[in-house]
Amino acid sequence: IHTDMQMIGCSETEGAFDNSLDEEDVIVVDFIAERVVDTQPSFVDHVSFGKDAFQVAMRNLIACRINLNITQKALKDQPLES
């Protein structure tokens, strides 16, 4: 049994995208350099994410920022303790 995990995180200015298999990074996206970094060791058969992997990660980053904005607005006037 294998575990595949995808993580996307964002702030208003930064973003992170990571895909791992069995708790080992497979790819990481560098949004500043606008590229996908393949972190798989040379001795394994590489998992391919296709030519559009960066665009997919970018769309996920945009969705993350939209959700962040919605959450910030929804929680703007909430007291720290309820």
PDB file of N, CA and C in Angstrom:
ATOM      1  N   ILE A   1       0.855  -1.170   0.000  1.00  0.00           N
ATOM      2  CA  ILE A   1       0.000   0.000   0.000  1.00  0.00           C
ATOM      3  C   ILE A   1       0.901   1.232   0.000  1.00  0.00           C
ATOM      4  N   HIS A   2       0.575   2.192  -0.874  1.00  0.00           N
ATOM      5  CA  HIS A   2       1.340   3.427  -0.982  1.00  0.00           C
ATOM      6  C   HIS A   2       0.466   4.607  -0.577  1.00  0.00           C
ATOM      7  N   THR A   3       1.113   5.654  -0.147  1.00  0.00           N
ATOM      8  CA  THR A   3       0.417   6.877   0.230  1.00  0.00           C
ATOM      9  C   THR A   3       0.880   8.013  -0.671  1.00  0.00           C
ATOM     10  N   ASP A   4      -0.054   8.650  -1.353  1.00  0.00           N
ATOM     11  CA  ASP A   4       0.225   9.798  -2.209  1.00  0.00           C
ATOM     12  C   ASP A   4      -0.379  11.019  -1.529  1.00  0.00           C
ATOM     13  N   MET A   5       0.410  12.068  -1.367  1.00  0.00           N
ATOM     14  CA  MET A   5      -0.095  13.262  -0.698  1.00  0.00           C
ATOM     15  C   MET A   5       0.303  14.497  -1.493  1.00  0.00           C
ATOM     16  N   GLN A   6      -0.642  15.418  -1.619  1.00  0.00           N
ATOM     17  CA  GLN A   6      -0.395  16.687  -2.289  1.00  0.00           C
ATOM     18  C   GLN A   6      -0.692  17.802  -1.301  1.00  0.00           C
ATOM     19  N   MET A   7       0.236  18.761  -1.193  1.00  0.00           N
ATOM     20  CA  MET A   7       0.070  19.861  -0.251  1.00  0.00           C
ATOM     21  C   MET A   7       0.183  21.173  -1.010  1.00  0.00           C
ATOM     22  N   ILE A   8      -0.779  22.037  -0.777  1.00  0.00           N
ATOM     23  CA  ILE A   8      -0.731  23.396  -1.323  1.00  0.00           C
ATOM     24  C   ILE A   8      -0.925  24.350  -0.161  1.00  0.00           C
ATOM     25  N   GLY A   9      -0.110  25.366  -0.101  1.00  0.00           N
ATOM     26  CA  GLY A   9      -0.219  26.370   0.954  1.00  0.00           C
ATOM     27  C   GLY A   9       0.042  27.737   0.363  1.00  0.00           C
ATOM     28  N   CYS A  10      -0.513  28.757   0.988  1.00  0.00           N
ATOM     29  CA  CYS A  10      -0.312  30.091   0.438  1.00  0.00           C
ATOM     30  C   CYS A  10      -0.478  31.156   1.507  1.00  0.00           C
ATOM     31  N   SER A  11       0.112  32.288   1.199  1.00  0.00           N
ATOM     32  CA  SER A  11      -0.147  33.518   1.928  1.00  0.00           C
ATOM     33  C   SER A  11      -0.485  34.534   0.845  1.00  0.00           C
ATOM     34  N   GLU A  12      -0.605  35.786   1.211  1.00  0.00           N
ATOM     35  CA  GLU A  12      -0.908  36.792   0.197  1.00  0.00           C
ATOM     36  C   GLU A  12       0.251  36.985  -0.776  1.00  0.00           C
ATOM     37  N   THR A  13       1.469  36.636  -0.359  1.00  0.00           N
ATOM     38  CA  THR A  13       2.646  36.882  -1.196  1.00  0.00           C
ATOM     39  C   THR A  13       3.431  35.636  -1.585  1.00  0.00           C
ATOM     40  N   GLU A  14       3.208  34.520  -0.912  1.00  0.00           N
ATOM     41  CA  GLU A  14       4.004  33.323  -1.183  1.00  0.00           C
ATOM     42  C   GLU A  14       3.112  32.113  -1.367  1.00  0.00           C
ATOM     43  N   GLY A  15       3.694  31.060  -1.947  1.00  0.00           N
ATOM     44  CA  GLY A  15       2.947  29.833  -2.138  1.00  0.00           C
ATOM     45  C   GLY A  15       3.861  28.629  -2.070  1.00  0.00           C
ATOM     46  N   ALA A  16       3.272  27.482  -1.790  1.00  0.00           N
ATOM     47  CA  ALA A  16       4.023  26.233  -1.725  1.00  0.00           C
ATOM     48  C   ALA A  16       3.175  25.123  -2.320  1.00  0.00           C
ATOM     49  N   PHE A  17       3.810  24.261  -3.083  1.00  0.00           N
ATOM     50  CA  PHE A  17       3.144  23.095  -3.667  1.00  0.00           C
ATOM     51  C   PHE A  17       4.113  21.936  -3.596  1.00  0.00           C
ATOM     52  N   ASP A  18       3.670  20.826  -3.040  1.00  0.00           N
ATOM     53  CA  ASP A  18       4.543  19.675  -2.823  1.00  0.00           C
ATOM     54  C   ASP A  18       3.729  18.419  -3.089  1.00  0.00           C
ATOM     55  N   ASN A  19       4.320  17.483  -3.791  1.00  0.00           N
ATOM     56  CA  ASN A  19       3.681  16.194  -4.015  1.00  0.00           C
ATOM     57  C   ASN A  19       4.626  15.124  -3.518  1.00  0.00           C
ATOM     58  N   SER A  20       4.113  14.209  -2.684  1.00  0.00           N
ATOM     59  CA  SER A  20       4.972  13.170  -2.113  1.00  0.00           C
ATOM     60  C   SER A  20       4.329  11.801  -2.283  1.00  0.00           C
ATOM     61  N   LEU A  21       5.197  10.803  -2.295  1.00  0.00           N
ATOM     62  CA  LEU A  21       4.778   9.413  -2.372  1.00  0.00           C
ATOM     63  C   LEU A  21       5.466   8.686  -1.238  1.00  0.00           C
ATOM     64  N   ASP A  22       4.681   8.063  -0.383  1.00  0.00           N
ATOM     65  CA  ASP A  22       5.214   7.354   0.786  1.00  0.00           C
ATOM     66  C   ASP A  22       6.128   8.252   1.626  1.00  0.00           C
ATOM     67  N   GLU A  23       5.671   9.475   1.854  1.00  0.00           N
ATOM     68  CA  GLU A  23       6.346  10.466   2.694  1.00  0.00           C
ATOM     69  C   GLU A  23       7.681  10.954   2.140  1.00  0.00           C
ATOM     70  N   GLU A  24       7.931  10.733   0.842  1.00  0.00           N
ATOM     71  CA  GLU A  24       9.132  11.240   0.185  1.00  0.00           C
ATOM     72  C   GLU A  24       8.703  12.223  -0.899  1.00  0.00           C
ATOM     73  N   ASP A  25       9.309  13.416  -0.909  1.00  0.00           N
ATOM     74  CA  ASP A  25       8.974  14.393  -1.943  1.00  0.00           C
ATOM     75  C   ASP A  25       9.245  13.818  -3.319  1.00  0.00           C
ATOM     76  N   VAL A  26       8.300  14.061  -4.228  1.00  0.00           N
ATOM     77  CA  VAL A  26       8.456  13.646  -5.614  1.00  0.00           C
ATOM     78  C   VAL A  26       8.712  14.877  -6.464  1.00  0.00           C
ATOM     79  N   ILE A  27       7.863  15.892  -6.281  1.00  0.00           N
ATOM     80  CA  ILE A  27       8.089  17.182  -6.934  1.00  0.00           C
ATOM     81  C   ILE A  27       7.774  18.302  -5.946  1.00  0.00           C
ATOM     82  N   VAL A  28       8.437  19.414  -6.179  1.00  0.00           N
ATOM     83  CA  VAL A  28       8.180  20.644  -5.436  1.00  0.00           C
ATOM     84  C   VAL A  28       8.108  21.733  -6.498  1.00  0.00           C
ATOM     85  N   VAL A  29       7.218  22.696  -6.333  1.00  0.00           N
ATOM     86  CA  VAL A  29       7.097  23.766  -7.304  1.00  0.00           C
ATOM     87  C   VAL A  29       7.774  25.016  -6.753  1.00  0.00           C
ATOM     88  N   ASP A  30       8.639  25.593  -7.571  1.00  0.00           N
ATOM     89  CA  ASP A  30       9.302  26.853  -7.251  1.00  0.00           C
ATOM     90  C   ASP A  30       8.531  27.949  -7.983  1.00  0.00           C
ATOM     91  N   PHE A  31       7.645  28.644  -7.260  1.00  0.00           N
ATOM     92  CA  PHE A  31       6.812  29.656  -7.900  1.00  0.00           C
ATOM     93  C   PHE A  31       7.625  30.885  -8.307  1.00  0.00           C
ATOM     94  N   ILE A  32       8.705  31.168  -7.616  1.00  0.00           N
ATOM     95  CA  ILE A  32       9.536  32.327  -7.962  1.00  0.00           C
ATOM     96  C   ILE A  32      10.242  32.077  -9.298  1.00  0.00           C
ATOM     97  N   ALA A  33      10.843  30.902  -9.458  1.00  0.00           N
ATOM     98  CA  ALA A  33      11.528  30.563 -10.708  1.00  0.00           C
ATOM     99  C   ALA A  33      10.570  30.025 -11.770  1.00  0.00           C
ATOM    100  N   GLU A  34       9.302  29.840 -11.386  1.00  0.00           N
ATOM    101  CA  GLU A  34       8.257  29.337 -12.278  1.00  0.00           C
ATOM    102  C   GLU A  34       8.651  28.012 -12.910  1.00  0.00           C
ATOM    103  N   ARG A  35       8.985  27.031 -12.039  1.00  0.00           N
ATOM    104  CA  ARG A  35       9.360  25.715 -12.546  1.00  0.00           C
ATOM    105  C   ARG A  35       9.034  24.633 -11.528  1.00  0.00           C
ATOM    106  N   VAL A  36       8.943  23.421 -12.031  1.00  0.00           N
ATOM    107  CA  VAL A  36       8.730  22.241 -11.198  1.00  0.00           C
ATOM    108  C   VAL A  36      10.094  21.622 -10.926  1.00  0.00           C
ATOM    109  N   VAL A  37      10.378  21.338  -9.669  1.00  0.00           N
ATOM    110  CA  VAL A  37      11.640  20.727  -9.285  1.00  0.00           C
ATOM    111  C   VAL A  37      11.394  19.246  -9.007  1.00  0.00           C
ATOM    112  N   ASP A  38      12.037  18.393  -9.790  1.00  0.00           N
ATOM    113  CA  ASP A  38      11.933  16.947  -9.620  1.00  0.00           C
ATOM    114  C   ASP A  38      12.910  16.543  -8.526  1.00  0.00           C
ATOM    115  N   THR A  39      12.415  16.049  -7.408  1.00  0.00           N
ATOM    116  CA  THR A  39      13.268  15.701  -6.270  1.00  0.00           C
ATOM    117  C   THR A  39      13.503  14.202  -6.151  1.00  0.00           C
ATOM    118  N   GLN A  40      13.126  13.453  -7.183  1.00  0.00           N
ATOM    119  CA  GLN A  40      13.292  12.006  -7.149  1.00  0.00           C
ATOM    120  C   GLN A  40      14.755  11.628  -7.377  1.00  0.00           C
ATOM    121  N   PRO A  41      15.259  10.662  -6.637  1.00  0.00           N
ATOM    122  CA  PRO A  41      16.648  10.247  -6.831  1.00  0.00           C
ATOM    123  C   PRO A  41      16.851   9.595  -8.201  1.00  0.00           C
ATOM    124  N   SER A  42      18.066   9.625  -8.690  1.00  0.00           N
ATOM    125  CA  SER A  42      18.360   9.130 -10.041  1.00  0.00           C
ATOM    126  C   SER A  42      18.196   7.620 -10.190  1.00  0.00           C
ATOM    127  N   PHE A  43      18.218   6.876  -9.090  1.00  0.00           N
ATOM    128  CA  PHE A  43      18.175   5.415  -9.187  1.00  0.00           C
ATOM    129  C   PHE A  43      16.760   4.837  -9.218  1.00  0.00           C
ATOM    130  N   VAL A  44      15.727   5.671  -9.241  1.00  0.00           N
ATOM    131  CA  VAL A  44      14.347   5.176  -9.293  1.00  0.00           C
ATOM    132  C   VAL A  44      13.708   5.534 -10.623  1.00  0.00           C
ATOM    133  N   ASP A  45      12.668   4.789 -10.989  1.00  0.00           N
ATOM    134  CA  ASP A  45      11.868   5.167 -12.147  1.00  0.00           C
ATOM    135  C   ASP A  45      11.060   6.398 -11.762  1.00  0.00           C
ATOM    136  N   HIS A  46      11.195   7.459 -12.514  1.00  0.00           N
ATOM    137  CA  HIS A  46      10.564   8.734 -12.158  1.00  0.00           C
ATOM    138  C   HIS A  46       9.078   8.744 -12.481  1.00  0.00           C
ATOM    139  N   VAL A  47       8.318   9.290 -11.556  1.00  0.00           N
ATOM    140  CA  VAL A  47       6.900   9.540 -11.763  1.00  0.00           C
ATOM    141  C   VAL A  47       6.809  10.823 -12.574  1.00  0.00           C
ATOM    142  N   SER A  48       6.058  10.795 -13.658  1.00  0.00           N
ATOM    143  CA  SER A  48       5.929  11.966 -14.516  1.00  0.00           C
ATOM    144  C   SER A  48       4.623  12.692 -14.210  1.00  0.00           C
ATOM    145  N   PHE A  49       4.690  14.005 -14.181  1.00  0.00           N
ATOM    146  CA  PHE A  49       3.493  14.810 -13.915  1.00  0.00           C
ATOM    147  C   PHE A  49       3.049  15.592 -15.140  1.00  0.00           C
ATOM    148  N   GLY A  50       3.692  15.384 -16.266  1.00  0.00           N
ATOM    149  CA  GLY A  50       3.287  16.016 -17.514  1.00  0.00           C
ATOM    150  C   GLY A  50       3.815  17.426 -17.679  1.00  0.00           C
ATOM    151  N   LYS A  51       3.633  17.925 -18.901  1.00  0.00           N
ATOM    152  CA  LYS A  51       4.159  19.244 -19.251  1.00  0.00           C
ATOM    153  C   LYS A  51       3.444  20.381 -18.528  1.00  0.00           C
ATOM    154  N   ASP A  52       2.207  20.150 -18.133  1.00  0.00           N
ATOM    155  CA  ASP A  52       1.418  21.230 -17.543  1.00  0.00           C
ATOM    156  C   ASP A  52       1.425  21.217 -16.014  1.00  0.00           C
ATOM    157  N   ALA A  53       2.372  20.535 -15.397  1.00  0.00           N
ATOM    158  CA  ALA A  53       2.418  20.434 -13.931  1.00  0.00           C
ATOM    159  C   ALA A  53       2.522  21.806 -13.274  1.00  0.00           C
ATOM    160  N   PHE A  54       3.315  22.707 -13.850  1.00  0.00           N
ATOM    161  CA  PHE A  54       3.434  24.042 -13.252  1.00  0.00           C
ATOM    162  C   PHE A  54       2.116  24.803 -13.356  1.00  0.00           C
ATOM    163  N   GLN A  55       1.447  24.701 -14.492  1.00  0.00           N
ATOM    164  CA  GLN A  55       0.164  25.397 -14.661  1.00  0.00           C
ATOM    165  C   GLN A  55      -0.885  24.870 -13.691  1.00  0.00           C
ATOM    166  N   VAL A  56      -0.891  23.564 -13.465  1.00  0.00           N
ATOM    167  CA  VAL A  56      -1.825  22.974 -12.498  1.00  0.00           C
ATOM    168  C   VAL A  56      -1.530  23.510 -11.099  1.00  0.00           C
ATOM    169  N   ALA A  57      -0.253  23.542 -10.728  1.00  0.00           N
ATOM    170  CA  ALA A  57       0.133  24.071  -9.419  1.00  0.00           C
ATOM    171  C   ALA A  57      -0.251  25.543  -9.304  1.00  0.00           C
ATOM    172  N   MET A  58      -0.090  26.301 -10.378  1.00  0.00           N
ATOM    173  CA  MET A  58      -0.438  27.725 -10.365  1.00  0.00           C
ATOM    174  C   MET A  58      -1.940  27.910 -10.161  1.00  0.00           C
ATOM    175  N   ARG A  59      -2.751  27.092 -10.810  1.00  0.00           N
ATOM    176  CA  ARG A  59      -4.208  27.182 -10.612  1.00  0.00           C
ATOM    177  C   ARG A  59      -4.572  26.845  -9.169  1.00  0.00           C
ATOM    178  N   ASN A  60      -3.882  25.859  -8.589  1.00  0.00           N
ATOM    179  CA  ASN A  60      -4.120  25.532  -7.184  1.00  0.00           C
ATOM    180  C   ASN A  60      -3.716  26.676  -6.273  1.00  0.00           C
ATOM    181  N   LEU A  61      -2.633  27.369  -6.599  1.00  0.00           N
ATOM    182  CA  LEU A  61      -2.197  28.523  -5.809  1.00  0.00           C
ATOM    183  C   LEU A  61      -3.226  29.651  -5.886  1.00  0.00           C
ATOM    184  N   ILE A  62      -3.763  29.888  -7.058  1.00  0.00           N
ATOM    185  CA  ILE A  62      -4.791  30.922  -7.228  1.00  0.00           C
ATOM    186  C   ILE A  62      -6.024  30.570  -6.404  1.00  0.00           C
ATOM    187  N   ALA A  63      -6.456  29.304  -6.454  1.00  0.00           N
ATOM    188  CA  ALA A  63      -7.607  28.868  -5.657  1.00  0.00           C
ATOM    189  C   ALA A  63      -7.323  29.023  -4.170  1.00  0.00           C
ATOM    190  N   CYS A  64      -6.107  28.716  -3.752  1.00  0.00           N
ATOM    191  CA  CYS A  64      -5.726  28.861  -2.341  1.00  0.00           C
ATOM    192  C   CYS A  64      -5.847  30.320  -1.903  1.00  0.00           C
ATOM    193  N   ARG A  65      -5.376  31.229  -2.744  1.00  0.00           N
ATOM    194  CA  ARG A  65      -5.442  32.660  -2.395  1.00  0.00           C
ATOM    195  C   ARG A  65      -6.879  33.175  -2.385  1.00  0.00           C
ATOM    196  N   ILE A  66      -7.705  32.675  -3.272  1.00  0.00           N
ATOM    197  CA  ILE A  66      -9.126  33.053  -3.266  1.00  0.00           C
ATOM    198  C   ILE A  66      -9.760  32.582  -1.961  1.00  0.00           C
ATOM    199  N   ASN A  67      -9.499  31.323  -1.575  1.00  0.00           N
ATOM    200  CA  ASN A  67     -10.042  30.789  -0.322  1.00  0.00           C
ATOM    201  C   ASN A  67      -9.504  31.535   0.891  1.00  0.00           C
ATOM    202  N   LEU A  68      -8.236  31.917   0.855  1.00  0.00           N
ATOM    203  CA  LEU A  68      -7.645  32.696   1.940  1.00  0.00           C
ATOM    204  C   LEU A  68      -8.355  34.040   2.083  1.00  0.00           C
ATOM    205  N   ASN A  69      -8.617  34.689   0.969  1.00  0.00           N
ATOM    206  CA  ASN A  69      -9.303  35.981   0.977  1.00  0.00           C
ATOM    207  C   ASN A  69     -10.714  35.842   1.545  1.00  0.00           C
ATOM    208  N   ILE A  70     -11.437  34.813   1.122  1.00  0.00           N
ATOM    209  CA  ILE A  70     -12.799  34.581   1.617  1.00  0.00           C
ATOM    210  C   ILE A  70     -12.775  34.333   3.130  1.00  0.00           C
ATOM    211  N   THR A  71     -11.832  33.520   3.582  1.00  0.00           N
ATOM    212  CA  THR A  71     -11.723  33.207   5.010  1.00  0.00           C
ATOM    213  C   THR A  71     -11.372  34.446   5.818  1.00  0.00           C
ATOM    214  N   GLN A  72     -10.446  35.258   5.317  1.00  0.00           N
ATOM    215  CA  GLN A  72     -10.074  36.491   6.023  1.00  0.00           C
ATOM    216  C   GLN A  72     -11.273  37.426   6.171  1.00  0.00           C
ATOM    217  N   LYS A  73     -12.061  37.564   5.120  1.00  0.00           N
ATOM    218  CA  LYS A  73     -13.249  38.423   5.186  1.00  0.00           C
ATOM    219  C   LYS A  73     -14.284  37.859   6.154  1.00  0.00           C
ATOM    220  N   ALA A  74     -14.467  36.534   6.120  1.00  0.00           N
ATOM    221  CA  ALA A  74     -15.470  35.901   6.989  1.00  0.00           C
ATOM    222  C   ALA A  74     -15.085  36.010   8.457  1.00  0.00           C
ATOM    223  N   LEU A  75     -13.798  35.993   8.754  1.00  0.00           N
ATOM    224  CA  LEU A  75     -13.346  36.008  10.149  1.00  0.00           C
ATOM    225  C   LEU A  75     -12.911  37.389  10.626  1.00  0.00           C
ATOM    226  N   LYS A  76     -13.068  38.393   9.787  1.00  0.00           N
ATOM    227  CA  LYS A  76     -12.571  39.744  10.089  1.00  0.00           C
ATOM    228  C   LYS A  76     -13.063  40.282  11.426  1.00  0.00           C
ATOM    229  N   ASP A  77     -14.324  40.189  11.693  1.00  0.00           N
ATOM    230  CA  ASP A  77     -14.885  40.777  12.887  1.00  0.00           C
ATOM    231  C   ASP A  77     -15.196  39.761  13.989  1.00  0.00           C
ATOM    232  N   GLN A  78     -14.638  38.566  13.879  1.00  0.00           N
ATOM    233  CA  GLN A  78     -14.871  37.540  14.882  1.00  0.00           C
ATOM    234  C   GLN A  78     -14.023  37.824  16.119  1.00  0.00           C
ATOM    235  N   PRO A  79     -14.600  37.689  17.313  1.00  0.00           N
ATOM    236  CA  PRO A  79     -13.787  37.859  18.519  1.00  0.00           C
ATOM    237  C   PRO A  79     -12.791  36.716  18.650  1.00  0.00           C
ATOM    238  N   LEU A  80     -11.669  36.971  19.337  1.00  0.00           N
ATOM    239  CA  LEU A  80     -10.661  35.943  19.516  1.00  0.00           C
ATOM    240  C   LEU A  80     -11.181  34.761  20.307  1.00  0.00           C
ATOM    241  N   GLU A  81     -12.099  35.030  21.233  1.00  0.00           N
ATOM    242  CA  GLU A  81     -12.716  33.963  22.022  1.00  0.00           C
ATOM    243  C   GLU A  81     -14.225  34.039  21.846  1.00  0.00           C
ATOM    244  N   SER A  82     -14.855  32.855  21.745  1.00  0.00           N
ATOM    245  CA  SER A  82     -16.314  32.894  21.618  1.00  0.00           C
ATOM    246  C   SER A  82     -16.971  32.212  22.789  1.00  0.00           C
TER     247      SER A  82
END
